Amino acid sequence: MEIFDAPNADASCGRRNVTTVAPQALTLLNNPQIRGWARDFATRVRRDVGPDHSRQVKHAYQIALSRLPGDTELEEAIVFLRHSELENLCHLLFTLNEFIYVD
């Protein structure tokens, strides 16, 4: 978690450093643990809503981002699922700035 500026748990941290660097994106894209989380997330989404792509996208967005996808996001995600696996969409959601950074 150091790559994402996690504070030292042994010391007080009044203000957390915030950086955006290439190794963060590369970690999100290539880390086997994150791919495993995406696989588990896809399994949960499938279990919760079944095989319907529209329902899968809406459910995944709701869980990952605490919101439903916009119309364009929904359409593009459904097209994406026609050519890829739900696991890849879940992985993609994990790499969004909206997932990582709290506004």
PDB file of N, CA and C in Angstrom:
ATOM      1  N   MET A   1       0.809  -1.206   0.000  1.00  0.00           N
ATOM      2  CA  MET A   1       0.000   0.000   0.000  1.00  0.00           C
ATOM      3  C   MET A   1       0.850   1.266   0.000  1.00  0.00           C
ATOM      4  N   GLU A   2       2.147   1.124   0.208  1.00  0.00           N
ATOM      5  CA  GLU A   2       3.014   2.302   0.181  1.00  0.00           C
ATOM      6  C   GLU A   2       2.924   3.045  -1.141  1.00  0.00           C
ATOM      7  N   ILE A   3       2.746   2.304  -2.212  1.00  0.00           N
ATOM      8  CA  ILE A   3       2.685   2.934  -3.530  1.00  0.00           C
ATOM      9  C   ILE A   3       1.491   3.891  -3.651  1.00  0.00           C
ATOM     10  N   PHE A   4       0.469   3.668  -2.813  1.00  0.00           N
ATOM     11  CA  PHE A   4      -0.712   4.533  -2.808  1.00  0.00           C
ATOM     12  C   PHE A   4      -0.701   5.503  -1.629  1.00  0.00           C
ATOM     13  N   ASP A   5       0.473   5.758  -1.089  1.00  0.00           N
ATOM     14  CA  ASP A   5       0.663   6.750  -0.022  1.00  0.00           C
ATOM     15  C   ASP A   5      -0.030   6.397   1.279  1.00  0.00           C
ATOM     16  N   ALA A   6      -0.128   5.111   1.584  1.00  0.00           N
ATOM     17  CA  ALA A   6      -0.723   4.708   2.863  1.00  0.00           C
ATOM     18  C   ALA A   6       0.154   5.225   3.995  1.00  0.00           C
ATOM     19  N   PRO A   7      -0.439   5.791   5.036  1.00  0.00           N
ATOM     20  CA  PRO A   7       0.367   6.299   6.150  1.00  0.00           C
ATOM     21  C   PRO A   7       0.938   5.158   6.989  1.00  0.00           C
ATOM     22  N   ASN A   8       1.970   5.450   7.722  1.00  0.00           N
ATOM     23  CA  ASN A   8       2.578   4.505   8.648  1.00  0.00           C
ATOM     24  C   ASN A   8       1.606   4.282   9.803  1.00  0.00           C
ATOM     25  N   ALA A   9       1.219   3.062  10.041  1.00  0.00           N
ATOM     26  CA  ALA A   9       0.244   2.745  11.098  1.00  0.00           C
ATOM     27  C   ALA A   9       0.822   2.921  12.495  1.00  0.00           C
ATOM     28  N   ASP A  10       2.128   3.021  12.602  1.00  0.00           N
ATOM     29  CA  ASP A  10       2.776   3.166  13.900  1.00  0.00           C
ATOM     30  C   ASP A  10       2.938   4.619  14.334  1.00  0.00           C
ATOM     31  N   ALA A  11       2.602   5.559  13.471  1.00  0.00           N
ATOM     32  CA  ALA A  11       2.809   6.973  13.791  1.00  0.00           C
ATOM     33  C   ALA A  11       1.561   7.783  13.451  1.00  0.00           C
ATOM     34  N   SER A  12       1.424   8.893  14.134  1.00  0.00           N
ATOM     35  CA  SER A  12       0.327   9.816  13.867  1.00  0.00           C
ATOM     36  C   SER A  12       0.533  10.465  12.500  1.00  0.00           C
ATOM     37  N   CYS A  13      -0.554  10.659  11.782  1.00  0.00           N
ATOM     38  CA  CYS A  13      -0.466  11.259  10.443  1.00  0.00           C
ATOM     39  C   CYS A  13      -1.549  12.325  10.332  1.00  0.00           C
ATOM     40  N   GLY A  14      -1.163  13.576  10.510  1.00  0.00           N
ATOM     41  CA  GLY A  14      -2.128  14.668  10.447  1.00  0.00           C
ATOM     42  C   GLY A  14      -2.623  14.955   9.047  1.00  0.00           C
ATOM     43  N   ARG A  15      -1.781  14.719   8.072  1.00  0.00           N
ATOM     44  CA  ARG A  15      -2.158  14.958   6.677  1.00  0.00           C
ATOM     45  C   ARG A  15      -1.498  13.891   5.808  1.00  0.00           C
ATOM     46  N   ARG A  16      -2.291  13.270   4.983  1.00  0.00           N
ATOM     47  CA  ARG A  16      -1.794  12.198   4.129  1.00  0.00           C
ATOM     48  C   ARG A  16      -1.258  12.770   2.824  1.00  0.00           C
ATOM     49  N   ASN A  17      -0.083  12.308   2.396  1.00  0.00           N
ATOM     50  CA  ASN A  17       0.470  12.704   1.105  1.00  0.00           C
ATOM     51  C   ASN A  17      -0.393  12.122  -0.007  1.00  0.00           C
ATOM     52  N   VAL A  18      -0.531  12.882  -1.096  1.00  0.00           N
ATOM     53  CA  VAL A  18      -1.280  12.402  -2.246  1.00  0.00           C
ATOM     54  C   VAL A  18      -0.408  12.559  -3.482  1.00  0.00           C
ATOM     55  N   THR A  19      -0.099  11.448  -4.107  1.00  0.00           N
ATOM     56  CA  THR A  19       0.660  11.480  -5.345  1.00  0.00           C
ATOM     57  C   THR A  19      -0.035  10.599  -6.374  1.00  0.00           C
ATOM     58  N   THR A  20       0.215  10.901  -7.620  1.00  0.00           N
ATOM     59  CA  THR A  20      -0.253  10.055  -8.716  1.00  0.00           C
ATOM     60  C   THR A  20       0.964   9.774  -9.576  1.00  0.00           C
ATOM     61  N   VAL A  21       1.385   8.532  -9.573  1.00  0.00           N
ATOM     62  CA  VAL A  21       2.594   8.152 -10.305  1.00  0.00           C
ATOM     63  C   VAL A  21       2.323   6.882 -11.110  1.00  0.00           C
ATOM     64  N   ALA A  22       3.122   6.680 -12.131  1.00  0.00           N
ATOM     65  CA  ALA A  22       2.941   5.535 -13.027  1.00  0.00           C
ATOM     66  C   ALA A  22       2.923   4.186 -12.311  1.00  0.00           C
ATOM     67  N   PRO A  23       3.770   3.954 -11.298  1.00  0.00           N
ATOM     68  CA  PRO A  23       3.726   2.641 -10.647  1.00  0.00           C
ATOM     69  C   PRO A  23       2.358   2.297 -10.028  1.00  0.00           C
ATOM     70  N   GLN A  24       1.583   3.313  -9.678  1.00  0.00           N
ATOM     71  CA  GLN A  24       0.243   3.036  -9.144  1.00  0.00           C
ATOM     72  C   GLN A  24      -0.624   2.385 -10.226  1.00  0.00           C
ATOM     73  N   ALA A  25      -0.650   2.980 -11.401  1.00  0.00           N
ATOM     74  CA  ALA A  25      -1.446   2.429 -12.502  1.00  0.00           C
ATOM     75  C   ALA A  25      -0.937   1.047 -12.896  1.00  0.00           C
ATOM     76  N   LEU A  26       0.372   0.882 -12.961  1.00  0.00           N
ATOM     77  CA  LEU A  26       0.935  -0.414 -13.329  1.00  0.00           C
ATOM     78  C   LEU A  26       0.603  -1.482 -12.291  1.00  0.00           C
ATOM     79  N   THR A  27       0.594  -1.105 -11.033  1.00  0.00           N
ATOM     80  CA  THR A  27       0.209  -2.049  -9.977  1.00  0.00           C
ATOM     81  C   THR A  27      -1.242  -2.475 -10.153  1.00  0.00           C
ATOM     82  N   LEU A  28      -2.112  -1.517 -10.412  1.00  0.00           N
ATOM     83  CA  LEU A  28      -3.526  -1.849 -10.599  1.00  0.00           C
ATOM     84  C   LEU A  28      -3.746  -2.737 -11.818  1.00  0.00           C
ATOM     85  N   LEU A  29      -2.973  -2.533 -12.855  1.00  0.00           N
ATOM     86  CA  LEU A  29      -3.142  -3.313 -14.076  1.00  0.00           C
ATOM     87  C   LEU A  29      -2.536  -4.710 -14.001  1.00  0.00           C
ATOM     88  N   ASN A  30      -1.438  -4.861 -13.277  1.00  0.00           N
ATOM     89  CA  ASN A  30      -0.662  -6.104 -13.356  1.00  0.00           C
ATOM     90  C   ASN A  30      -0.605  -6.934 -12.087  1.00  0.00           C
ATOM     91  N   ASN A  31      -1.069  -6.427 -10.983  1.00  0.00           N
ATOM     92  CA  ASN A  31      -0.942  -7.144  -9.727  1.00  0.00           C
ATOM     93  C   ASN A  31      -1.881  -8.352  -9.689  1.00  0.00           C
ATOM     94  N   PRO A  32      -1.359  -9.555  -9.456  1.00  0.00           N
ATOM     95  CA  PRO A  32      -2.199 -10.752  -9.429  1.00  0.00           C
ATOM     96  C   PRO A  32      -3.287 -10.701  -8.346  1.00  0.00           C
ATOM     97  N   GLN A  33      -2.999 -10.050  -7.237  1.00  0.00           N
ATOM     98  CA  GLN A  33      -3.998  -9.956  -6.171  1.00  0.00           C
ATOM     99  C   GLN A  33      -5.194  -9.114  -6.628  1.00  0.00           C
ATOM    100  N   ILE A  34      -4.933  -8.039  -7.335  1.00  0.00           N
ATOM    101  CA  ILE A  34      -6.025  -7.196  -7.827  1.00  0.00           C
ATOM    102  C   ILE A  34      -6.822  -7.927  -8.891  1.00  0.00           C
ATOM    103  N   ARG A  35      -6.148  -8.690  -9.761  1.00  0.00           N
ATOM    104  CA  ARG A  35      -6.864  -9.528 -10.743  1.00  0.00           C
ATOM    105  C   ARG A  35      -7.742 -10.546 -10.019  1.00  0.00           C
ATOM    106  N   GLY A  36      -7.241 -11.105  -8.921  1.00  0.00           N
ATOM    107  CA  GLY A  36      -8.039 -12.047  -8.130  1.00  0.00           C
ATOM    108  C   GLY A  36      -9.261 -11.376  -7.521  1.00  0.00           C
ATOM    109  N   TRP A  37      -9.085 -10.154  -7.032  1.00  0.00           N
ATOM    110  CA  TRP A  37     -10.238  -9.421  -6.486  1.00  0.00           C
ATOM    111  C   TRP A  37     -11.283  -9.152  -7.577  1.00  0.00           C
ATOM    112  N   ALA A  38     -10.805  -8.832  -8.786  1.00  0.00           N
ATOM    113  CA  ALA A  38     -11.723  -8.600  -9.897  1.00  0.00           C
ATOM    114  C   ALA A  38     -12.483  -9.883 -10.243  1.00  0.00           C
ATOM    115  N   ARG A  39     -11.790 -11.002 -10.220  1.00  0.00           N
ATOM    116  CA  ARG A  39     -12.437 -12.295 -10.495  1.00  0.00           C
ATOM    117  C   ARG A  39     -13.501 -12.588  -9.431  1.00  0.00           C
ATOM    118  N   ASP A  40     -13.160 -12.362  -8.154  1.00  0.00           N
ATOM    119  CA  ASP A  40     -14.119 -12.589  -7.075  1.00  0.00           C
ATOM    120  C   ASP A  40     -15.304 -11.636  -7.170  1.00  0.00           C
ATOM    121  N   PHE A  41     -15.030 -10.398  -7.537  1.00  0.00           N
ATOM    122  CA  PHE A  41     -16.095  -9.406  -7.689  1.00  0.00           C
ATOM    123  C   PHE A  41     -17.036  -9.812  -8.817  1.00  0.00           C
ATOM    124  N   ALA A  42     -16.474 -10.275  -9.935  1.00  0.00           N
ATOM    125  CA  ALA A  42     -17.295 -10.726 -11.060  1.00  0.00           C
ATOM    126  C   ALA A  42     -18.165 -11.917 -10.653  1.00  0.00           C
ATOM    127  N   THR A  43     -17.613 -12.809  -9.874  1.00  0.00           N
ATOM    128  CA  THR A  43     -18.387 -13.960  -9.379  1.00  0.00           C
ATOM    129  C   THR A  43     -19.559 -13.475  -8.530  1.00  0.00           C
ATOM    130  N   ARG A  44     -19.307 -12.506  -7.674  1.00  0.00           N
ATOM    131  CA  ARG A  44     -20.375 -11.953  -6.834  1.00  0.00           C
ATOM    132  C   ARG A  44     -21.456 -11.296  -7.687  1.00  0.00           C
ATOM    133  N   VAL A  45     -21.047 -10.501  -8.670  1.00  0.00           N
ATOM    134  CA  VAL A  45     -22.022  -9.812  -9.524  1.00  0.00           C
ATOM    135  C   VAL A  45     -22.871 -10.836 -10.265  1.00  0.00           C
ATOM    136  N   ARG A  46     -22.237 -11.850 -10.847  1.00  0.00           N
ATOM    137  CA  ARG A  46     -22.977 -12.906 -11.557  1.00  0.00           C
ATOM    138  C   ARG A  46     -23.956 -13.617 -10.635  1.00  0.00           C
ATOM    139  N   ARG A  47     -23.499 -13.935  -9.434  1.00  0.00           N
ATOM    140  CA  ARG A  47     -24.346 -14.622  -8.457  1.00  0.00           C
ATOM    141  C   ARG A  47     -25.545 -13.748  -8.069  1.00  0.00           C
ATOM    142  N   ASP A  48     -25.312 -12.454  -7.904  1.00  0.00           N
ATOM    143  CA  ASP A  48     -26.372 -11.551  -7.447  1.00  0.00           C
ATOM    144  C   ASP A  48     -27.423 -11.257  -8.511  1.00  0.00           C
ATOM    145  N   VAL A  49     -27.003 -11.093  -9.789  1.00  0.00           N
ATOM    146  CA  VAL A  49     -27.955 -10.626 -10.802  1.00  0.00           C
ATOM    147  C   VAL A  49     -28.096 -11.528 -12.019  1.00  0.00           C
ATOM    148  N   GLY A  50     -27.300 -12.569 -12.123  1.00  0.00           N
ATOM    149  CA  GLY A  50     -27.434 -13.485 -13.249  1.00  0.00           C
ATOM    150  C   GLY A  50     -26.670 -13.029 -14.477  1.00  0.00           C
ATOM    151  N   PRO A  51     -27.036 -13.583 -15.658  1.00  0.00           N
ATOM    152  CA  PRO A  51     -26.249 -13.387 -16.873  1.00  0.00           C
ATOM    153  C   PRO A  51     -26.567 -12.124 -17.680  1.00  0.00           C
ATOM    154  N   ASP A  52     -27.592 -11.378 -17.317  1.00  0.00           N
ATOM    155  CA  ASP A  52     -27.986 -10.190 -18.078  1.00  0.00           C
ATOM    156  C   ASP A  52     -26.918  -9.095 -17.975  1.00  0.00           C
ATOM    157  N   HIS A  53     -26.354  -8.702 -19.113  1.00  0.00           N
ATOM    158  CA  HIS A  53     -25.258  -7.725 -19.116  1.00  0.00           C
ATOM    159  C   HIS A  53     -25.670  -6.384 -18.523  1.00  0.00           C
ATOM    160  N   SER A  54     -26.840  -5.909 -18.857  1.00  0.00           N
ATOM    161  CA  SER A  54     -27.290  -4.618 -18.331  1.00  0.00           C
ATOM    162  C   SER A  54     -27.368  -4.640 -16.807  1.00  0.00           C
ATOM    163  N   ARG A  55     -27.938  -5.684 -16.270  1.00  0.00           N
ATOM    164  CA  ARG A  55     -28.033  -5.800 -14.808  1.00  0.00           C
ATOM    165  C   ARG A  55     -26.662  -5.970 -14.173  1.00  0.00           C
ATOM    166  N   GLN A  56     -25.777  -6.711 -14.836  1.00  0.00           N
ATOM    167  CA  GLN A  56     -24.423  -6.890 -14.312  1.00  0.00           C
ATOM    168  C   GLN A  56     -23.687  -5.554 -14.230  1.00  0.00           C
ATOM    169  N   VAL A  57     -23.771  -4.763 -15.292  1.00  0.00           N
ATOM    170  CA  VAL A  57     -23.081  -3.469 -15.315  1.00  0.00           C
ATOM    171  C   VAL A  57     -23.628  -2.556 -14.228  1.00  0.00           C
ATOM    172  N   LYS A  58     -24.942  -2.460 -14.143  1.00  0.00           N
ATOM    173  CA  LYS A  58     -25.549  -1.586 -13.131  1.00  0.00           C
ATOM    174  C   LYS A  58     -25.160  -2.020 -11.723  1.00  0.00           C
ATOM    175  N   HIS A  59     -25.188  -3.306 -11.477  1.00  0.00           N
ATOM    176  CA  HIS A  59     -24.858  -3.825 -10.143  1.00  0.00           C
ATOM    177  C   HIS A  59     -23.382  -3.587  -9.818  1.00  0.00           C
ATOM    178  N   ALA A  60     -22.506  -3.838 -10.777  1.00  0.00           N
ATOM    179  CA  ALA A  60     -21.074  -3.629 -10.552  1.00  0.00           C
ATOM    180  C   ALA A  60     -20.770  -2.160 -10.275  1.00  0.00           C
ATOM    181  N   TYR A  61     -21.359  -1.266 -11.037  1.00  0.00           N
ATOM    182  CA  TYR A  61     -21.157   0.164 -10.795  1.00  0.00           C
ATOM    183  C   TYR A  61     -21.680   0.553  -9.414  1.00  0.00           C
ATOM    184  N   GLN A  62     -22.839   0.045  -9.062  1.00  0.00           N
ATOM    185  CA  GLN A  62     -23.428   0.403  -7.763  1.00  0.00           C
ATOM    186  C   GLN A  62     -22.530  -0.041  -6.613  1.00  0.00           C
ATOM    187  N   ILE A  63     -22.006  -1.240  -6.709  1.00  0.00           N
ATOM    188  CA  ILE A  63     -21.143  -1.734  -5.630  1.00  0.00           C
ATOM    189  C   ILE A  63     -19.789  -1.016  -5.633  1.00  0.00           C
ATOM    190  N   ALA A  64     -19.154  -0.909  -6.790  1.00  0.00           N
ATOM    191  CA  ALA A  64     -17.800  -0.358  -6.861  1.00  0.00           C
ATOM    192  C   ALA A  64     -17.756   1.153  -6.673  1.00  0.00           C
ATOM    193  N   LEU A  65     -18.734   1.861  -7.232  1.00  0.00           N
ATOM    194  CA  LEU A  65     -18.660   3.325  -7.250  1.00  0.00           C
ATOM    195  C   LEU A  65     -19.796   4.002  -6.484  1.00  0.00           C
ATOM    196  N   SER A  66     -20.688   3.217  -5.922  1.00  0.00           N
ATOM    197  CA  SER A  66     -21.838   3.744  -5.166  1.00  0.00           C
ATOM    198  C   SER A  66     -22.730   4.634  -6.028  1.00  0.00           C
ATOM    199  N   ARG A  67     -22.826   4.271  -7.286  1.00  0.00           N
ATOM    200  CA  ARG A  67     -23.720   4.981  -8.212  1.00  0.00           C
ATOM    201  C   ARG A  67     -24.017   4.074  -9.392  1.00  0.00           C
ATOM    202  N   LEU A  68     -25.078   4.396 -10.097  1.00  0.00           N
ATOM    203  CA  LEU A  68     -25.388   3.674 -11.331  1.00  0.00           C
ATOM    204  C   LEU A  68     -24.597   4.283 -12.482  1.00  0.00           C
ATOM    205  N   PRO A  69     -24.358   3.516 -13.524  1.00  0.00           N
ATOM    206  CA  PRO A  69     -23.654   4.081 -14.683  1.00  0.00           C
ATOM    207  C   PRO A  69     -24.563   5.050 -15.428  1.00  0.00           C
ATOM    208  N   GLY A  70     -23.952   6.055 -16.056  1.00  0.00           N
ATOM    209  CA  GLY A  70     -24.707   6.928 -16.946  1.00  0.00           C
ATOM    210  C   GLY A  70     -25.107   6.153 -18.191  1.00  0.00           C
ATOM    211  N   ASP A  71     -25.956   6.742 -19.006  1.00  0.00           N
ATOM    212  CA  ASP A  71     -26.436   6.054 -20.209  1.00  0.00           C
ATOM    213  C   ASP A  71     -25.290   5.633 -21.130  1.00  0.00           C
ATOM    214  N   THR A  72     -24.356   6.543 -21.371  1.00  0.00           N
ATOM    215  CA  THR A  72     -23.216   6.228 -22.240  1.00  0.00           C
ATOM    216  C   THR A  72     -22.335   5.164 -21.609  1.00  0.00           C
ATOM    217  N   GLU A  73     -22.082   5.275 -20.303  1.00  0.00           N
ATOM    218  CA  GLU A  73     -21.268   4.271 -19.611  1.00  0.00           C
ATOM    219  C   GLU A  73     -21.919   2.897 -19.705  1.00  0.00           C
ATOM    220  N   LEU A  74     -23.228   2.843 -19.535  1.00  0.00           N
ATOM    221  CA  LEU A  74     -23.951   1.578 -19.608  1.00  0.00           C
ATOM    222  C   LEU A  74     -23.836   0.969 -21.000  1.00  0.00           C
ATOM    223  N   GLU A  75     -24.084   1.769 -22.018  1.00  0.00           N
ATOM    224  CA  GLU A  75     -24.004   1.268 -23.396  1.00  0.00           C
ATOM    225  C   GLU A  75     -22.605   0.757 -23.725  1.00  0.00           C
ATOM    226  N   GLU A  76     -21.584   1.542 -23.355  1.00  0.00           N
ATOM    227  CA  GLU A  76     -20.208   1.145 -23.662  1.00  0.00           C
ATOM    228  C   GLU A  76     -19.799  -0.111 -22.890  1.00  0.00           C
ATOM    229  N   ALA A  77     -20.252  -0.228 -21.653  1.00  0.00           N
ATOM    230  CA  ALA A  77     -19.913  -1.410 -20.856  1.00  0.00           C
ATOM    231  C   ALA A  77     -20.595  -2.662 -21.418  1.00  0.00           C
ATOM    232  N   ILE A  78     -21.810  -2.528 -21.896  1.00  0.00           N
ATOM    233  CA  ILE A  78     -22.507  -3.675 -22.499  1.00  0.00           C
ATOM    234  C   ILE A  78     -21.785  -4.122 -23.764  1.00  0.00           C
ATOM    235  N   VAL A  79     -21.358  -3.171 -24.590  1.00  0.00           N
ATOM    236  CA  VAL A  79     -20.579  -3.509 -25.790  1.00  0.00           C
ATOM    237  C   VAL A  79     -19.276  -4.192 -25.377  1.00  0.00           C
ATOM    238  N   PHE A  80     -18.617  -3.667 -24.348  1.00  0.00           N
ATOM    239  CA  PHE A  80     -17.384  -4.255 -23.845  1.00  0.00           C
ATOM    240  C   PHE A  80     -17.612  -5.710 -23.442  1.00  0.00           C
ATOM    241  N   LEU A  81     -18.733  -5.983 -22.760  1.00  0.00           N
ATOM    242  CA  LEU A  81     -19.020  -7.343 -22.293  1.00  0.00           C
ATOM    243  C   LEU A  81     -19.338  -8.311 -23.428  1.00  0.00           C
ATOM    244  N   ARG A  82     -19.746  -7.788 -24.560  1.00  0.00           N
ATOM    245  CA  ARG A  82     -19.986  -8.660 -25.714  1.00  0.00           C
ATOM    246  C   ARG A  82     -18.678  -9.237 -26.254  1.00  0.00           C
ATOM    247  N   HIS A  83     -17.560  -8.553 -25.948  1.00  0.00           N
ATOM    248  CA  HIS A  83     -16.259  -8.959 -26.477  1.00  0.00           C
ATOM    249  C   HIS A  83     -15.273  -9.361 -25.395  1.00  0.00           C
ATOM    250  N   SER A  84     -15.686  -9.285 -24.142  1.00  0.00           N
ATOM    251  CA  SER A  84     -14.763  -9.557 -23.047  1.00  0.00           C
ATOM    252  C   SER A  84     -15.517 -10.212 -21.898  1.00  0.00           C
ATOM    253  N   GLU A  85     -14.794 -10.510 -20.854  1.00  0.00           N
ATOM    254  CA  GLU A  85     -15.363 -11.169 -19.678  1.00  0.00           C
ATOM    255  C   GLU A  85     -15.774 -10.139 -18.624  1.00  0.00           C
ATOM    256  N   LEU A  86     -16.732 -10.504 -17.792  1.00  0.00           N
ATOM    257  CA  LEU A  86     -17.159  -9.642 -16.694  1.00  0.00           C
ATOM    258  C   LEU A  86     -15.985  -9.337 -15.762  1.00  0.00           C
ATOM    259  N   GLU A  87     -15.098 -10.289 -15.579  1.00  0.00           N
ATOM    260  CA  GLU A  87     -13.915 -10.068 -14.742  1.00  0.00           C
ATOM    261  C   GLU A  87     -13.111  -8.864 -15.235  1.00  0.00           C
ATOM    262  N   ASN A  88     -13.002  -8.702 -16.557  1.00  0.00           N
ATOM    263  CA  ASN A  88     -12.244  -7.579 -17.108  1.00  0.00           C
ATOM    264  C   ASN A  88     -12.946  -6.250 -16.867  1.00  0.00           C
ATOM    265  N   LEU A  89     -14.264  -6.245 -16.925  1.00  0.00           N
ATOM    266  CA  LEU A  89     -15.001  -5.021 -16.599  1.00  0.00           C
ATOM    267  C   LEU A  89     -14.816  -4.669 -15.129  1.00  0.00           C
ATOM    268  N   CYS A  90     -14.884  -5.648 -14.259  1.00  0.00           N
ATOM    269  CA  CYS A  90     -14.675  -5.408 -12.830  1.00  0.00           C
ATOM    270  C   CYS A  90     -13.270  -4.882 -12.576  1.00  0.00           C
ATOM    271  N   HIS A  91     -12.297  -5.453 -13.263  1.00  0.00           N
ATOM    272  CA  HIS A  91     -10.917  -4.981 -13.136  1.00  0.00           C
ATOM    273  C   HIS A  91     -10.819  -3.532 -13.608  1.00  0.00           C
ATOM    274  N   LEU A  92     -11.470  -3.220 -14.699  1.00  0.00           N
ATOM    275  CA  LEU A  92     -11.480  -1.859 -15.218  1.00  0.00           C
ATOM    276  C   LEU A  92     -12.058  -0.894 -14.180  1.00  0.00           C
ATOM    277  N   LEU A  93     -13.143  -1.266 -13.530  1.00  0.00           N
ATOM    278  CA  LEU A  93     -13.737  -0.405 -12.500  1.00  0.00           C
ATOM    279  C   LEU A  93     -12.754  -0.136 -11.370  1.00  0.00           C
ATOM    280  N   PHE A  94     -11.964  -1.143 -11.016  1.00  0.00           N
ATOM    281  CA  PHE A  94     -10.976  -0.977  -9.944  1.00  0.00           C
ATOM    282  C   PHE A  94      -9.876   0.014 -10.319  1.00  0.00           C
ATOM    283  N   THR A  95      -9.660   0.256 -11.602  1.00  0.00           N
ATOM    284  CA  THR A  95      -8.588   1.152 -12.027  1.00  0.00           C
ATOM    285  C   THR A  95      -9.056   2.594 -12.229  1.00  0.00           C
ATOM    286  N   LEU A  96     -10.331   2.845 -12.072  1.00  0.00           N
ATOM    287  CA  LEU A  96     -10.842   4.204 -12.252  1.00  0.00           C
ATOM    288  C   LEU A  96     -10.419   5.109 -11.095  1.00  0.00           C
ATOM    289  N   ASN A  97     -10.099   6.352 -11.406  1.00  0.00           N
ATOM    290  CA  ASN A  97      -9.786   7.323 -10.355  1.00  0.00           C
ATOM    291  C   ASN A  97     -10.938   7.434  -9.361  1.00  0.00           C
ATOM    292  N   GLU A  98     -12.149   7.356  -9.862  1.00  0.00           N
ATOM    293  CA  GLU A  98     -13.338   7.451  -9.008  1.00  0.00           C
ATOM    294  C   GLU A  98     -13.377   6.334  -7.964  1.00  0.00           C
ATOM    295  N   PHE A  99     -12.831   5.189  -8.292  1.00  0.00           N
ATOM    296  CA  PHE A  99     -12.782   4.069  -7.346  1.00  0.00           C
ATOM    297  C   PHE A  99     -11.704   4.287  -6.302  1.00  0.00           C
ATOM    298  N   ILE A 100     -10.599   4.887  -6.708  1.00  0.00           N
ATOM    299  CA  ILE A 100      -9.423   4.995  -5.849  1.00  0.00           C
ATOM    300  C   ILE A 100      -9.454   6.224  -4.946  1.00  0.00           C
ATOM    301  N   TYR A 101      -9.867   7.353  -5.511  1.00  0.00           N
ATOM    302  CA  TYR A 101      -9.796   8.625  -4.768  1.00  0.00           C
ATOM    303  C   TYR A 101     -11.174   9.074  -4.309  1.00  0.00           C
ATOM    304  N   VAL A 102     -11.268   9.469  -3.061  1.00  0.00           N
ATOM    305  CA  VAL A 102     -12.515   9.967  -2.495  1.00  0.00           C
ATOM    306  C   VAL A 102     -12.568  11.473  -2.699  1.00  0.00           C
ATOM    307  N   ASP A 103     -13.655  11.970  -3.280  1.00  0.00           N
ATOM    308  CA  ASP A 103     -13.826  13.419  -3.446  1.00  0.00           C
ATOM    309  C   ASP A 103     -14.396  14.032  -2.185  1.00  0.00           C
TER     310      ASP A 103
END
